[in-house]
């Protein structure tokens, strides 16, 4: 994910991933909680573990070139939703 952030030049993502000592107890230090918050338009405090997991699956599916069918299957949604 760090490599993708670097290659994309996305300063927000680069900054989010550059914290050398993230606090595991701080949701704002978990990149997948932060991304799920933006993706689902929820505050960080309202992101559920299932939201984080779905976001993580989508991110890595995108990075590894999975299609909508694979994402849909992993998330238990329709291909159209994916």
Protein backbone atom coordinates (compact mmCIF):
# COMPACT_ATOMS: atom_id res chain seq x y z
CA UNK A 1 0.00 0.00 0.00
CA UNK A 2 2.91 2.33 0.75
CA UNK A 3 4.32 1.71 -2.72
CA UNK A 4 0.96 2.45 -4.35
CA UNK A 5 0.70 5.67 -2.33
CA UNK A 6 4.17 6.70 -3.45
CA UNK A 7 3.55 5.84 -7.10
CA UNK A 8 0.22 7.66 -7.12
CA UNK A 9 1.68 10.76 -5.49
CA UNK A 10 -1.38 10.99 -3.21
CA UNK A 11 -0.05 13.29 -0.49
CA UNK A 12 -2.89 12.51 1.93
CA UNK A 13 -2.30 8.78 1.67
CA UNK A 14 1.47 9.19 1.85
CA UNK A 15 1.11 11.29 4.97
CA UNK A 16 -1.30 8.80 6.55
CA UNK A 17 1.13 5.95 5.95
CA UNK A 18 4.23 7.84 7.07
CA UNK A 19 3.58 7.72 10.83
CA UNK A 20 6.59 5.73 12.07
CA UNK A 21 4.97 4.77 15.38
CA UNK A 22 1.22 4.35 14.95
CA UNK A 23 -0.80 3.91 18.13
CA UNK A 24 -2.82 0.68 17.82
CA UNK A 25 -5.40 2.12 20.22
CA UNK A 26 -5.97 5.21 18.07
CA UNK A 27 -8.39 4.55 15.19
CA UNK A 28 -7.01 7.59 13.34
CA UNK A 29 -3.68 5.74 13.05
CA UNK A 30 -5.29 2.79 11.23
CA UNK A 31 -5.23 3.59 7.52
CA UNK A 32 -8.10 1.21 6.74
CA UNK A 33 -10.34 2.85 9.35
CA UNK A 34 -9.49 6.25 7.91
CA UNK A 35 -10.16 5.08 4.34
CA UNK A 36 -13.42 3.35 5.36
CA UNK A 37 -14.50 6.56 7.08
CA UNK A 38 -14.00 8.53 3.85
CA UNK A 39 -15.46 5.79 1.62
CA UNK A 40 -18.60 5.34 3.71
CA UNK A 41 -18.88 8.99 4.75
CA UNK A 42 -18.89 8.08 8.44
CA UNK A 43 -16.93 9.56 11.30
CA UNK A 44 -13.95 7.47 12.36
CA UNK A 45 -15.74 6.65 15.60
CA UNK A 46 -18.63 5.06 13.69
CA UNK A 47 -16.55 2.79 11.45
CA UNK A 48 -17.28 -0.83 12.40
CA UNK A 49 -14.79 -3.69 12.11
CA UNK A 50 -16.83 -5.03 9.17
CA UNK A 51 -16.52 -1.62 7.44
CA UNK A 52 -12.75 -1.71 7.92
CA UNK A 53 -12.54 -5.26 6.59
CA UNK A 54 -14.62 -4.40 3.51
CA UNK A 55 -12.47 -1.37 2.81
CA UNK A 56 -9.28 -3.38 3.20
CA UNK A 57 -10.61 -6.06 0.83
CA UNK A 58 -11.47 -3.42 -1.78
CA UNK A 59 -8.10 -1.70 -1.50
CA UNK A 60 -6.11 -4.89 -1.94
CA UNK A 61 -8.45 -6.20 -4.62
CA UNK A 62 -7.83 -3.01 -6.57
CA UNK A 63 -4.08 -3.20 -6.07
CA UNK A 64 -3.94 -6.81 -7.20
CA UNK A 65 -6.27 -6.33 -10.16
CA UNK A 66 -9.27 -8.31 -8.94
CA UNK A 67 -12.47 -7.71 -10.82
CA UNK A 68 -15.86 -6.71 -9.52
CA UNK A 69 -16.91 -10.36 -9.33
CA UNK A 70 -14.11 -11.23 -6.91
CA UNK A 71 -14.78 -8.16 -4.79
CA UNK A 72 -18.50 -8.94 -4.73
CA UNK A 73 -17.84 -12.51 -3.65
CA UNK A 74 -15.45 -11.45 -0.86
CA UNK A 75 -17.88 -8.84 0.45
CA UNK A 76 -21.08 -10.83 -0.06
CA UNK A 77 -22.61 -8.20 -2.35
CA UNK A 78 -23.75 -8.13 -5.96
CA UNK A 79 -21.36 -7.46 -8.80
CA UNK A 80 -23.27 -4.25 -9.52
CA UNK A 81 -22.67 -3.04 -5.95
CA UNK A 82 -19.01 -3.92 -6.19
